[in-house]
Amino acid sequence: MYLLDTNVVSEPRKRRPDVKVVEWYRGIPEGSLFVSALLIGELRKGVENKRSRQPDAAQALEKWLTRLKREFADRVLPVTPEVAERWGEMNAHRPFPVVDGLMAATALTHNLVLVTRNIKDFAGTGVRLLDPFEQG
């Protein structure tokens, strides 16, 4: 079971997605893939940042976000009190950026592997990590 980081979720959407990531996705049952509510927030931020300068890009991203929310409807994990407690424990020993720390705490709480290109951002959290960009 896997918790997907934003850079992994958005990779297949690129004009030329990384072949390793596409192959990794093909080998994983859809029901094994989860996202954090924080990822939804990061994508919403991306839509809003583009809205005034690149309205067409914002509209395309908005449609993709809507589709993503529908596809992951029952696999979006919230920041629960248990996740927040885990984050607080981790942060007491070594401060992490809030979103990264909460993503790691979510993965730990639900016993998920965090799938990300940014392995170094999560070093020291205790979370199991996988970089599909380096698979093969």
Protein backbone atom coordinates (compact mmCIF):
# COMPACT_ATOMS: atom_id res chain seq x y z
CA MET A 1 0.00 0.00 0.00
CA TYR A 2 1.33 3.39 -1.05
CA LEU A 3 0.90 7.08 -0.27
CA LEU A 4 1.67 9.16 -3.36
CA ASP A 5 3.51 12.46 -3.23
CA THR A 6 2.50 15.28 -5.58
CA ASN A 7 5.50 14.81 -7.87
CA VAL A 8 4.51 11.17 -8.49
CA VAL A 9 0.79 11.84 -8.98
CA SER A 10 1.48 14.60 -11.48
CA GLU A 11 4.16 12.78 -13.50
CA PRO A 12 1.79 10.81 -15.83
CA ARG A 13 0.11 14.11 -16.72
CA LYS A 14 3.27 15.49 -18.31
CA ARG A 15 3.72 15.62 -22.08
CA ARG A 16 6.67 13.23 -21.73
CA PRO A 17 6.24 11.36 -18.45
CA ASP A 18 9.12 9.37 -17.02
CA VAL A 19 8.82 5.83 -18.39
CA LYS A 20 9.89 4.29 -15.07
CA VAL A 21 7.05 6.02 -13.24
CA VAL A 22 4.48 5.00 -15.86
CA GLU A 23 5.69 1.38 -15.67
CA TRP A 24 5.59 1.47 -11.87
CA TYR A 25 1.96 2.67 -11.94
CA ARG A 26 1.01 -0.13 -14.34
CA GLY A 27 2.31 -2.74 -11.90
CA ILE A 28 0.37 -1.52 -8.88
CA PRO A 29 -3.32 -2.26 -8.22
CA GLU A 30 -5.29 0.99 -8.14
CA GLY A 31 -6.78 0.16 -4.73
CA SER A 32 -3.28 0.13 -3.24
CA LEU A 33 -2.69 3.81 -4.03
CA PHE A 34 -3.65 6.57 -1.60
CA VAL A 35 -3.21 10.34 -1.50
CA SER A 36 -3.24 12.81 1.35
CA ALA A 37 -5.75 15.61 1.63
CA LEU A 38 -2.62 17.79 1.70
CA LEU A 39 -1.88 16.76 -1.90
CA ILE A 40 -5.33 18.02 -2.89
CA GLY A 41 -4.42 21.32 -1.22
CA GLU A 42 -1.10 21.53 -3.05
CA LEU A 43 -2.84 20.96 -6.38
CA ARG A 44 -5.53 23.54 -5.53
CA LYS A 45 -2.75 26.03 -4.77
CA GLY A 46 -1.30 25.29 -8.23
CA VAL A 47 -4.67 25.98 -9.87
CA GLU A 48 -5.10 29.27 -8.03
CA ASN A 49 -1.52 30.39 -8.74
CA LYS A 50 -2.11 29.92 -12.48
CA ARG A 51 -5.63 31.34 -12.62
CA SER A 52 -4.78 34.98 -13.40
CA ARG A 53 -1.59 34.51 -15.45
CA GLN A 54 -2.38 31.27 -17.32
CA PRO A 55 -6.16 30.78 -17.35
CA ASP A 56 -6.07 27.92 -19.88
CA ALA A 57 -3.47 26.04 -17.87
CA ALA A 58 -5.48 26.68 -14.69
CA GLN A 59 -8.62 25.31 -16.32
CA ALA A 60 -6.80 22.17 -17.50
CA LEU A 61 -5.30 21.65 -14.04
CA GLU A 62 -8.73 22.21 -12.46
CA LYS A 63 -10.26 19.50 -14.67
CA TRP A 64 -7.45 17.11 -13.79
CA LEU A 65 -7.86 17.87 -10.07
CA THR A 66 -11.60 17.17 -10.30
CA ARG A 67 -10.91 13.85 -12.04
CA LEU A 68 -8.21 12.97 -9.50
CA LYS A 69 -10.55 13.65 -6.57
CA ARG A 70 -13.17 11.42 -8.19
CA GLU A 71 -10.65 8.62 -8.87
CA PHE A 72 -9.27 8.72 -5.32
CA ALA A 73 -12.59 9.54 -3.62
CA ASP A 74 -12.37 6.76 -1.03
CA ARG A 75 -8.56 6.83 -0.89
CA VAL A 76 -7.90 10.42 0.24
CA LEU A 77 -6.44 10.29 3.74
CA PRO A 78 -7.19 13.20 6.08
CA VAL A 79 -4.94 14.69 8.72
CA THR A 80 -6.50 13.05 11.76
CA PRO A 81 -5.65 13.68 15.42
CA GLU A 82 -3.53 10.50 15.31
CA VAL A 83 -1.58 11.81 12.29
CA ALA A 84 -1.14 15.19 14.01
CA GLU A 85 0.19 13.48 17.16
CA ARG A 86 2.68 11.46 15.10
CA TRP A 87 3.78 14.65 13.33
CA GLY A 88 4.26 16.39 16.69
CA GLU A 89 6.41 13.52 17.96
CA MET A 90 8.57 13.62 14.82
CA ASN A 91 8.87 17.40 14.83
CA ALA A 92 9.97 17.51 18.47
CA HIS A 93 13.17 15.69 17.53
CA ARG A 94 13.87 17.31 14.18
CA PRO A 95 11.82 20.05 12.55
CA PHE A 96 10.38 19.13 9.15
CA PRO A 97 8.47 21.37 6.74
CA VAL A 98 4.81 21.09 7.74
CA VAL A 99 3.45 19.43 4.59
CA ASP A 100 6.35 16.97 4.27
CA GLY A 101 6.15 16.12 7.96
CA LEU A 102 2.39 15.56 7.83
CA MET A 103 2.77 13.41 4.69
CA ALA A 104 5.36 11.27 6.48
CA ALA A 105 3.18 11.06 9.59
CA THR A 106 0.21 10.00 7.44
CA ALA A 107 2.27 7.23 5.82
CA LEU A 108 3.55 6.05 9.20
CA THR A 109 0.10 6.12 10.81
CA HIS A 110 -1.43 4.05 8.00
CA ASN A 111 1.64 1.83 7.51
CA LEU A 112 2.07 2.98 3.91
CA VAL A 113 5.16 3.37 1.74
CA LEU A 114 5.60 7.02 0.74
CA VAL A 115 6.23 7.22 -3.01
CA THR A 116 8.19 10.35 -3.91
CA ARG A 117 11.01 11.65 -6.02
CA ASN A 118 12.17 13.73 -3.04
CA ILE A 119 13.64 10.97 -0.89
CA LYS A 120 16.00 13.35 0.93
CA ASP A 121 13.08 15.52 2.09
CA PHE A 122 11.81 12.61 4.18
CA ALA A 123 15.11 11.27 5.49
CA GLY A 124 15.01 10.78 9.23
CA THR A 125 11.23 10.50 9.46
CA GLY A 126 11.23 6.72 9.78
CA VAL A 127 8.82 6.35 6.86
CA ARG A 128 9.44 3.67 4.23
CA LEU A 129 10.24 5.38 0.93
CA LEU A 130 10.15 4.46 -2.74
CA ASP A 131 11.38 6.54 -5.67
CA PRO A 132 9.72 5.23 -8.86
CA PHE A 133 11.95 7.53 -10.92
CA GLU A 134 14.90 5.33 -9.88
CA GLN A 135 13.22 1.92 -10.32
CA GLY A 136 14.37 -0.48 -12.94
